[in-house]
Amino acid sequence: MSGTDWWLLALSIVLLLHTSIVALVETVVTRVDMVRALRLLEEDERRGAEALLWLVERRSSALNVLMVMTVSARVVLAALATVLGLRLVGGAGGVALAVLVVILASLVIGEAVPRTIALRHLEPVGLAVAPQARILVRALDPLAGLVVAMGRALVPRRHEVSGPYASDDELRELESDDEEVDEELEPEERAMIRSIFELGDTIAREVMVPRPDMITVPRDASLDEVVGIAIEHGTSRIPVHDPAEHGSITGTIYAKDLLRRIATDPEESWSDLIRPPTFVPETQRCDDLLRDLQAAAVHLAIVVDEYGEVVGLVTIEDILEEIVGEIVDEHDQEDPLVEVLDDGWRVDARLGVDDLNELLGMQLPEEGWDTVGGLVFGTLGRVPGEQEVIDLEGIRITVERVQGRRVASVTVARRDPSDQAT
């Protein structure tokens, strides 16, 4: 073999490896869905996850570019192999040998091997190749768009699609003549998916109704009193406590059972309608808690601490609100947790510290407490008084209202840089 033959062989091997890598990337792009890519991005922002999500969001464009790269490489590979076969063997036999070798190598090395590797190690491979693949897609997208446009111009069509690799939205549009919809997730949809992932890091204590805010009834109350409380607060399920001890929850009464008793025998006692309570630890993760409540067909659970003391209650609605946002019905008349003031914000002490951090764009400490009220208690180490001021890095928190031993609301304002310096 001459020096030219060796160069032709080396270039053919490079092109074969090129098609192999393209097949690897194509498998990743087609097999990784949006939810999986978002989960990888949420896991400590793993390297390559952002690029992978970018590719998945623009799946059809990426596949168009990969198609152009694959076809171009294989055409050139076939031409080089043909020239090499003619130079080494000559005649029709050389051409036949070159075609056979190209077909076999393309199927095994260019397709079967890389696709199998990608499927066996989908996430690690995807994170590894995504950054480079994103650069190539961005660079070659105009060329691929030109090729696709030429193809579309030659194909009579009744429906408008972006190219040979149509998005899911476009495939749905083939059944309905709606206009083309952007295939990227809306911000609200992405936020909802992210909230689902965050359920695994959220515990019951963070979403529960704290014990001071719980609506309960004593076990020895009359039927009229229980019905009155249910009507006043608009609750469909009410914890029942021991008459001698407010914190001893002995059961749950359902409004629908009370309604049935009133309709059938209003003079009868309601104690036989009390259902056994469901207790859950305050540290239970919300995703597990949601599954447990669904499996038990229970909508309300009593939250207890490590000593078995009641610290609050949690409902399925509380957990769902972590995903879809606040669910307001005709009985909800609560004040907003955050109210904008001229010089800052009025904040309900029940607001989570993480939510306050998001509002302010800061990193206030969250260790040992979940709410703004807990932050105030933890910083002072005692029950605060009204108008007491706490200066933290960058902000000033003023205790606005205290109910008993509990902080009800605070005002938050950014500190002047000159004040911080002093």
Protein backbone atom coordinates (compact mmCIF):
# COMPACT_ATOMS: atom_id res chain seq x y z
CA MET A 1 0.00 0.00 0.00
CA SER A 2 1.26 3.43 -0.92
CA GLY A 3 1.20 6.49 1.30
CA THR A 4 -1.98 7.68 -0.42
CA ASP A 5 -3.69 4.38 0.32
CA TRP A 6 -2.81 4.67 3.99
CA TRP A 7 -4.26 8.19 4.09
CA LEU A 8 -7.46 6.97 2.44
CA LEU A 9 -7.74 4.13 4.96
CA ALA A 10 -7.12 6.44 7.93
CA LEU A 11 -9.71 8.94 6.69
CA SER A 12 -12.23 6.12 6.18
CA ILE A 13 -11.70 4.95 9.79
CA VAL A 14 -12.18 8.52 11.07
CA LEU A 15 -15.45 8.83 9.13
CA LEU A 16 -16.63 5.47 10.47
CA LEU A 17 -15.92 6.57 14.04
CA HIS A 18 -17.69 9.86 13.26
CA THR A 19 -20.88 8.01 12.26
CA SER A 20 -20.55 5.90 15.41
CA ILE A 21 -20.46 8.97 17.64
CA VAL A 22 -23.39 10.54 15.77
CA ALA A 23 -25.41 7.34 16.34
CA LEU A 24 -24.51 7.55 20.03
CA VAL A 25 -25.77 11.13 20.27
CA GLU A 26 -28.92 10.35 18.27
CA THR A 27 -29.80 7.53 20.67
CA VAL A 28 -29.42 9.87 23.63
CA VAL A 29 -31.54 12.60 22.02
CA THR A 30 -34.34 10.20 21.11
CA ARG A 31 -34.34 8.19 24.34
CA VAL A 32 -34.01 10.90 27.01
CA ASP A 33 -37.34 12.60 27.62
CA MET A 34 -37.99 16.06 29.04
CA VAL A 35 -38.78 14.88 32.57
CA ARG A 36 -35.60 12.83 32.76
CA ALA A 37 -33.48 15.72 31.52
CA LEU A 38 -35.04 18.09 34.06
CA ARG A 39 -34.38 15.60 36.86
CA LEU A 40 -30.72 15.40 35.89
CA LEU A 41 -30.53 19.19 35.93
CA GLU A 42 -32.08 19.30 39.42
CA GLU A 43 -29.59 16.76 40.81
CA ASP A 44 -26.95 19.23 42.00
CA GLU A 45 -26.84 20.73 38.48
CA ARG A 46 -24.71 17.86 37.15
CA ARG A 47 -22.18 18.79 34.48
CA GLY A 48 -23.69 18.42 31.02
CA ALA A 49 -27.29 18.37 32.27
CA GLU A 50 -28.07 21.87 31.00
CA ALA A 51 -26.75 21.01 27.53
CA LEU A 52 -28.71 17.75 27.54
CA LEU A 53 -31.93 19.58 28.42
CA TRP A 54 -31.19 22.07 25.62
CA LEU A 55 -30.89 19.22 23.10
CA VAL A 56 -34.06 17.50 24.33
CA GLU A 57 -36.04 20.74 24.14
CA ARG A 58 -34.90 21.13 20.52
CA ARG A 59 -35.09 17.47 19.62
CA SER A 60 -36.28 17.87 16.04
CA SER A 61 -33.57 20.44 15.20
CA ALA A 62 -30.88 18.25 16.76
CA LEU A 63 -32.04 15.19 14.82
CA ASN A 64 -32.04 17.17 11.58
CA VAL A 65 -28.40 18.15 12.15
CA LEU A 66 -27.43 14.59 13.08
CA MET A 67 -29.14 13.32 9.93
CA VAL A 68 -27.09 15.70 7.76
CA MET A 69 -23.88 14.67 9.55
CA THR A 70 -24.62 10.94 9.22
CA VAL A 71 -25.60 10.96 5.54
CA SER A 72 -22.69 13.21 4.56
CA ALA A 73 -20.16 11.06 6.40
CA ARG A 74 -21.48 7.80 4.94
CA VAL A 75 -21.53 9.08 1.37
CA VAL A 76 -17.93 10.24 1.68
CA LEU A 77 -17.02 6.96 3.40
CA ALA A 78 -18.53 4.94 0.57
CA ALA A 79 -16.67 7.02 -2.03
CA LEU A 80 -13.33 6.62 -0.22
CA ALA A 81 -13.87 2.89 0.22
CA THR A 82 -14.66 2.55 -3.49
CA VAL A 83 -11.51 4.40 -4.49
CA LEU A 84 -9.47 2.29 -2.06
CA GLY A 85 -11.01 -0.93 -3.41
CA LEU A 86 -10.21 0.03 -6.98
CA ARG A 87 -6.62 0.90 -6.08
CA LEU A 88 -5.96 -2.26 -4.09
CA VAL A 89 -8.04 -4.91 -5.91
CA GLY A 90 -9.26 -3.25 -9.07
CA GLY A 91 -12.30 -3.81 -11.25
CA ALA A 92 -15.76 -4.87 -10.15
CA GLY A 93 -14.33 -7.11 -7.46
CA GLY A 94 -12.73 -4.15 -5.73
CA VAL A 95 -15.97 -2.19 -5.82
CA ALA A 96 -17.98 -5.15 -4.48
CA LEU A 97 -15.47 -5.69 -1.68
CA ALA A 98 -15.54 -2.01 -0.72
CA VAL A 99 -19.37 -1.99 -0.60
CA LEU A 100 -19.46 -5.15 1.53
CA VAL A 101 -16.89 -3.80 4.00
CA VAL A 102 -18.66 -0.42 4.29
CA ILE A 103 -22.05 -2.04 4.88
CA LEU A 104 -20.72 -4.45 7.51
CA ALA A 105 -18.62 -1.84 9.33
CA SER A 106 -21.44 0.74 9.26
CA LEU A 107 -23.98 -1.72 10.70
CA VAL A 108 -21.72 -3.08 13.44
CA ILE A 109 -19.37 -0.24 14.37
CA GLY A 110 -21.47 2.69 13.16
CA GLU A 111 -24.85 1.56 14.50
CA ALA A 112 -25.16 -1.54 16.70
CA VAL A 113 -22.21 -0.95 19.04
CA PRO A 114 -22.73 2.77 19.84
CA ARG A 115 -26.50 2.47 20.20
CA THR A 116 -26.12 -0.49 22.56
CA ILE A 117 -23.57 1.39 24.66
CA ALA A 118 -25.83 4.46 24.80
CA LEU A 119 -28.87 2.44 25.87
CA ARG A 120 -26.93 0.62 28.60
CA HIS A 121 -25.47 3.83 30.04
CA LEU A 122 -27.98 6.42 28.85
CA GLU A 123 -27.55 9.12 31.49
CA PRO A 124 -23.73 9.05 31.85
CA VAL A 125 -23.29 8.98 28.06
CA GLY A 126 -25.85 11.75 27.60
CA LEU A 127 -24.16 14.01 30.14
CA ALA A 128 -20.75 13.32 28.57
CA VAL A 129 -21.64 14.03 24.93
CA ALA A 130 -24.28 16.75 25.36
CA PRO A 131 -21.96 19.82 25.63
CA GLN A 132 -20.09 18.99 22.41
CA ALA A 133 -23.29 17.95 20.65
CA ARG A 134 -24.92 21.27 21.54
CA ILE A 135 -22.01 23.15 19.93
CA LEU A 136 -22.33 21.10 16.73
CA VAL A 137 -26.12 21.53 16.59
CA ARG A 138 -25.82 25.28 16.99
CA ALA A 139 -23.12 25.50 14.33
CA LEU A 140 -24.78 23.25 11.73
CA ASP A 141 -28.41 24.13 12.36
CA PRO A 142 -28.52 26.70 9.50
CA LEU A 143 -27.14 24.11 7.05
CA ALA A 144 -29.58 21.47 8.27
CA GLY A 145 -32.41 24.00 8.05
CA LEU A 146 -31.50 24.67 4.41
CA VAL A 147 -31.46 20.96 3.58
CA VAL A 148 -34.80 20.40 5.32
CA ALA A 149 -36.33 23.41 3.56
CA MET A 150 -35.23 22.03 0.17
CA GLY A 151 -36.79 18.69 1.04
CA ARG A 152 -40.04 20.28 2.14
CA ALA A 153 -40.19 22.28 -1.09
CA LEU A 154 -40.12 19.05 -3.08
CA VAL A 155 -42.83 17.29 -1.07
CA PRO A 156 -46.50 18.16 -1.70
CA ARG A 157 -48.11 18.52 1.69
CA ARG A 158 -51.36 19.33 3.36
CA HIS A 159 -49.94 19.77 6.86
CA GLU A 160 -47.03 21.94 7.93
CA VAL A 161 -44.21 20.11 9.74
CA SER A 162 -40.72 21.29 10.53
CA GLY A 163 -38.90 18.45 8.78
CA PRO A 164 -38.30 14.70 8.69
CA TYR A 165 -38.12 14.63 12.50
CA ALA A 166 -41.39 16.18 13.61
CA SER A 167 -41.90 17.19 17.22
CA ASP A 168 -44.58 15.60 19.41
CA ASP A 169 -46.71 18.70 18.99
CA GLU A 170 -46.45 18.49 15.21
CA LEU A 171 -47.40 14.83 15.23
CA ARG A 172 -50.50 15.71 17.20
CA GLU A 173 -51.25 18.45 14.73
CA LEU A 174 -51.35 15.92 11.91
CA GLU A 175 -54.64 14.79 13.43
CA SER A 176 -55.94 18.31 13.98
CA ASP A 177 -55.39 21.29 11.73
CA ASP A 178 -54.30 23.56 14.57
CA GLU A 179 -51.40 25.92 14.03
CA GLU A 180 -47.89 24.86 14.96
CA VAL A 181 -47.07 25.09 18.67
CA ASP A 182 -43.65 25.67 20.12
CA GLU A 183 -42.36 22.33 21.41
CA GLU A 184 -40.50 23.83 24.37
CA LEU A 185 -42.05 23.64 27.81
CA GLU A 186 -43.79 26.72 29.10
CA PRO A 187 -42.22 28.25 32.24
CA GLU A 188 -45.23 27.19 34.32
CA GLU A 189 -44.93 23.59 33.10
CA ARG A 190 -41.22 23.49 33.86
CA ALA A 191 -41.83 24.95 37.34
CA MET A 192 -44.46 22.28 38.02
CA ILE A 193 -42.12 19.48 36.97
CA ARG A 194 -39.35 20.95 39.13
CA SER A 195 -41.76 21.10 42.09
CA ILE A 196 -42.51 17.39 41.67
CA PHE A 197 -38.80 16.61 41.96
CA GLU A 198 -38.49 18.86 45.01
CA LEU A 199 -41.15 16.84 46.87
CA GLY A 200 -38.41 14.33 47.62
CA ASP A 201 -36.49 17.03 49.51
CA THR A 202 -39.55 18.48 51.29
CA ILE A 203 -40.69 17.01 54.61
CA ALA A 204 -44.08 17.06 56.29
CA ARG A 205 -43.01 19.73 58.81
CA GLU A 206 -42.46 22.21 55.98
CA VAL A 207 -45.99 21.95 54.54
CA MET A 208 -48.10 21.16 57.61
CA VAL A 209 -50.56 23.43 59.38
CA PRO A 210 -48.82 24.10 62.72
CA ARG A 211 -50.54 23.06 65.92
CA PRO A 212 -51.58 26.61 67.00
CA ASP A 213 -53.48 26.98 63.71
CA MET A 214 -55.22 23.61 63.86
CA ILE A 215 -59.02 23.60 64.04
CA THR A 216 -60.04 20.85 66.47
CA VAL A 217 -63.09 19.87 68.52
CA PRO A 218 -63.25 18.24 71.99
CA ARG A 219 -64.62 14.73 72.12
CA ASP A 220 -67.38 15.76 74.56
CA ALA A 221 -68.73 18.62 72.41
CA SER A 222 -72.37 18.53 71.36
CA LEU A 223 -73.41 17.74 67.80
CA ASP A 224 -74.52 21.37 67.29
CA GLU A 225 -71.13 22.65 68.48
CA VAL A 226 -69.21 20.37 66.12
CA VAL A 227 -71.44 21.32 63.18
CA GLY A 228 -71.02 24.99 64.06
CA ILE A 229 -67.21 24.71 63.99
CA ALA A 230 -67.31 22.89 60.64
CA ILE A 231 -69.55 25.59 59.15
CA GLU A 232 -67.56 28.48 60.65
CA HIS A 233 -64.21 27.30 59.33
CA GLY A 234 -65.40 25.52 56.19
CA THR A 235 -63.54 22.30 57.03
CA SER A 236 -64.62 18.88 55.83
CA ARG A 237 -62.41 16.94 58.28
CA ILE A 238 -61.77 18.00 61.89
CA PRO A 239 -59.36 16.38 64.37
CA VAL A 240 -60.97 15.40 67.66
CA HIS A 241 -59.00 15.89 70.88
CA ASP A 242 -59.32 14.65 74.42
CA PRO A 243 -61.40 17.12 76.48
CA ALA A 244 -58.72 17.24 79.19
CA GLU A 245 -55.74 17.66 76.84
CA HIS A 246 -55.80 19.79 73.72
CA GLY A 247 -52.75 18.13 72.21
CA SER A 248 -54.07 14.57 72.52
CA ILE A 249 -55.74 13.80 69.19
CA THR A 250 -58.02 10.78 69.47
CA GLY A 251 -59.68 10.74 66.05
CA THR A 252 -61.08 12.63 63.07
CA ILE A 253 -64.67 13.57 62.32
CA TYR A 254 -65.88 14.01 58.73
CA ALA A 255 -68.42 16.68 57.82
CA LYS A 256 -70.24 14.26 55.52
CA ASP A 257 -70.80 11.89 58.47
CA LEU A 258 -72.18 14.78 60.52
CA LEU A 259 -74.50 15.75 57.68
CA ARG A 260 -75.81 12.20 57.44
CA ARG A 261 -76.38 12.06 61.21
CA ILE A 262 -78.28 15.36 61.16
CA ALA A 263 -80.48 14.09 58.34
CA THR A 264 -81.23 10.71 59.95
CA ASP A 265 -81.07 11.12 63.74
CA PRO A 266 -80.04 14.57 65.03
CA GLU A 267 -80.65 13.56 68.65
CA GLU A 268 -78.10 10.74 68.53
CA SER A 269 -74.52 11.19 69.79
CA TRP A 270 -71.81 11.73 67.21
CA SER A 271 -69.01 9.91 69.03
CA ASP A 272 -69.55 6.71 67.03
CA LEU A 273 -68.75 8.67 63.85
CA ILE A 274 -65.18 9.43 64.94
CA ARG A 275 -62.64 7.71 62.73
CA PRO A 276 -59.19 6.58 63.90
CA PRO A 277 -56.50 9.22 63.36
CA THR A 278 -53.54 8.76 61.02
CA PHE A 279 -50.21 9.82 62.50
CA VAL A 280 -47.11 10.61 60.45
CA PRO A 281 -43.63 11.75 61.54
CA GLU A 282 -42.70 15.37 60.87
CA THR A 283 -39.59 14.26 58.99
CA GLN A 284 -41.40 12.08 56.44
CA ARG A 285 -40.73 13.11 52.85
CA CYS A 286 -43.73 14.54 51.05
CA ASP A 287 -43.48 12.24 48.04
CA ASP A 288 -43.65 9.19 50.32
CA LEU A 289 -46.37 10.82 52.41
CA LEU A 290 -48.51 11.49 49.34
CA ARG A 291 -48.26 7.84 48.28
CA ASP A 292 -49.07 6.62 51.80
CA LEU A 293 -52.14 8.85 52.09
CA GLN A 294 -53.36 7.74 48.67
CA ALA A 295 -52.86 4.07 49.50
CA ALA A 296 -54.72 4.44 52.80
CA ALA A 297 -57.50 6.56 51.20
CA VAL A 298 -56.89 9.18 53.90
CA HIS A 299 -56.91 12.92 53.21
CA LEU A 300 -55.74 14.22 56.60
CA ALA A 301 -52.91 13.09 58.86
CA ILE A 302 -51.70 14.27 62.26
CA VAL A 303 -48.01 15.21 62.31
CA VAL A 304 -45.99 14.23 65.40
CA ASP A 305 -42.41 14.91 66.45
CA GLU A 306 -39.79 12.44 67.63
CA TYR A 307 -41.39 12.35 71.10
CA GLY A 308 -44.87 11.61 69.76
CA GLU A 309 -46.16 15.10 70.50
CA VAL A 310 -48.63 16.60 68.02
CA VAL A 311 -47.01 19.45 66.09
CA GLY A 312 -49.51 19.97 63.28
CA LEU A 313 -51.63 18.38 60.59
CA VAL A 314 -51.13 17.82 56.89
CA THR A 315 -53.59 17.14 54.09
CA ILE A 316 -53.26 15.90 50.54
CA GLU A 317 -54.15 19.44 49.46
CA ASP A 318 -51.13 20.81 51.36
CA ILE A 319 -48.85 18.48 49.41
CA LEU A 320 -50.49 19.17 46.04
CA GLU A 321 -50.08 22.91 46.64
CA GLU A 322 -46.32 22.32 46.66
CA ILE A 323 -46.69 21.22 43.02
CA VAL A 324 -49.43 23.41 41.54
CA GLY A 325 -49.35 26.40 43.87
CA GLU A 326 -51.98 27.72 46.25
CA ILE A 327 -55.42 26.09 45.88
CA VAL A 328 -58.08 28.57 46.97
CA ASP A 329 -61.71 27.59 47.51
CA GLU A 330 -64.76 29.52 48.61
CA HIS A 331 -63.84 29.10 52.29
CA ASP A 332 -60.28 30.40 52.02
CA GLN A 333 -60.08 33.99 53.21
CA GLU A 334 -56.47 34.06 54.32
CA ASP A 335 -54.32 37.13 53.96
CA PRO A 336 -51.41 36.82 51.52
CA LEU A 337 -48.18 35.53 53.02
CA VAL A 338 -46.26 38.41 51.46
CA GLU A 339 -47.50 41.99 51.08
CA VAL A 340 -45.44 44.58 49.26
CA LEU A 341 -44.82 47.80 51.21
CA ASP A 342 -43.25 51.08 50.14
CA ASP A 343 -39.98 50.26 51.89
CA GLY A 344 -40.03 46.46 51.91
CA TRP A 345 -42.42 43.61 52.59
CA ARG A 346 -44.87 42.52 55.27
CA VAL A 347 -44.31 38.80 55.70
CA ASP A 348 -46.47 36.24 57.48
CA ALA A 349 -44.22 34.36 59.91
CA ARG A 350 -45.46 31.07 58.45
CA LEU A 351 -43.68 31.81 55.17
CA GLY A 352 -40.85 29.38 54.49
CA VAL A 353 -37.31 30.71 54.76
CA ASP A 354 -36.56 29.22 51.34
CA ASP A 355 -39.45 31.25 49.88
CA LEU A 356 -38.10 34.41 51.54
CA ASN A 357 -34.65 33.65 50.11
CA GLU A 358 -36.18 33.31 46.66
CA LEU A 359 -38.04 36.60 47.09
CA LEU A 360 -34.94 38.49 48.21
CA GLY A 361 -32.37 36.61 46.17
CA MET A 362 -30.41 35.85 49.35
CA GLN A 363 -29.12 32.88 51.34
CA LEU A 364 -30.59 33.32 54.82
CA PRO A 365 -29.82 30.35 57.10
CA GLU A 366 -32.40 27.53 57.10
CA GLU A 367 -30.76 25.09 59.48
CA GLY A 368 -32.91 24.24 62.48
CA TRP A 369 -36.08 25.98 61.28
CA ASP A 370 -38.36 26.11 58.27
CA THR A 371 -40.32 29.36 58.61
CA VAL A 372 -39.55 33.04 59.02
CA GLY A 373 -40.95 32.80 62.56
CA GLY A 374 -38.49 30.01 63.26
CA LEU A 375 -35.68 32.16 61.86
CA VAL A 376 -36.59 34.95 64.30
CA PHE A 377 -36.74 32.58 67.28
CA GLY A 378 -33.53 30.83 66.27
CA THR A 379 -31.63 34.10 65.80
CA LEU A 380 -32.76 35.67 69.09
CA GLY A 381 -32.87 32.49 71.13
CA ARG A 382 -36.01 33.66 72.96
CA VAL A 383 -39.57 34.87 72.46
CA PRO A 384 -39.31 38.28 70.75
CA GLY A 385 -41.29 41.38 71.54
CA GLU A 386 -43.20 43.49 69.09
CA GLN A 387 -41.11 46.04 67.16
CA GLU A 388 -37.94 44.14 68.03
CA VAL A 389 -35.39 44.40 65.25
CA ILE A 390 -33.04 41.76 63.87
CA ASP A 391 -30.24 42.82 61.54
CA LEU A 392 -29.01 40.07 59.27
CA GLU A 393 -26.61 40.31 56.37
CA GLY A 394 -28.30 42.59 53.87
CA ILE A 395 -31.75 42.82 55.49
CA ARG A 396 -33.53 44.09 58.58
CA ILE A 397 -36.40 42.08 60.09
CA THR A 398 -38.81 43.88 62.42
CA VAL A 399 -41.23 41.82 64.50
CA GLU A 400 -44.58 43.42 63.74
CA ARG A 401 -47.06 41.25 65.63
CA VAL A 402 -46.76 38.57 68.32
CA GLN A 403 -49.62 36.30 69.37
CA GLY A 404 -48.89 34.77 72.75
CA ARG A 405 -45.47 33.16 72.39
CA ARG A 406 -45.72 33.01 68.63
CA VAL A 407 -44.52 35.46 65.97
CA ALA A 408 -47.44 36.27 63.68
CA SER A 409 -45.92 38.70 61.17
CA VAL A 410 -42.76 40.65 60.47
CA THR A 411 -41.65 43.39 58.12
CA VAL A 412 -38.55 42.88 55.99
CA ALA A 413 -36.49 45.64 54.43
CA ARG A 414 -33.14 45.75 52.72
CA ARG A 415 -30.46 47.44 54.78
CA ASP A 416 -28.60 50.46 53.53
CA PRO A 417 -25.00 49.52 52.58
CA SER A 418 -23.72 52.32 54.85
CA ASP A 419 -25.63 50.77 57.79
CA GLN A 420 -24.13 47.39 57.07
CA ALA A 421 -20.63 48.82 57.09
CA THR A 422 -21.16 50.16 60.59
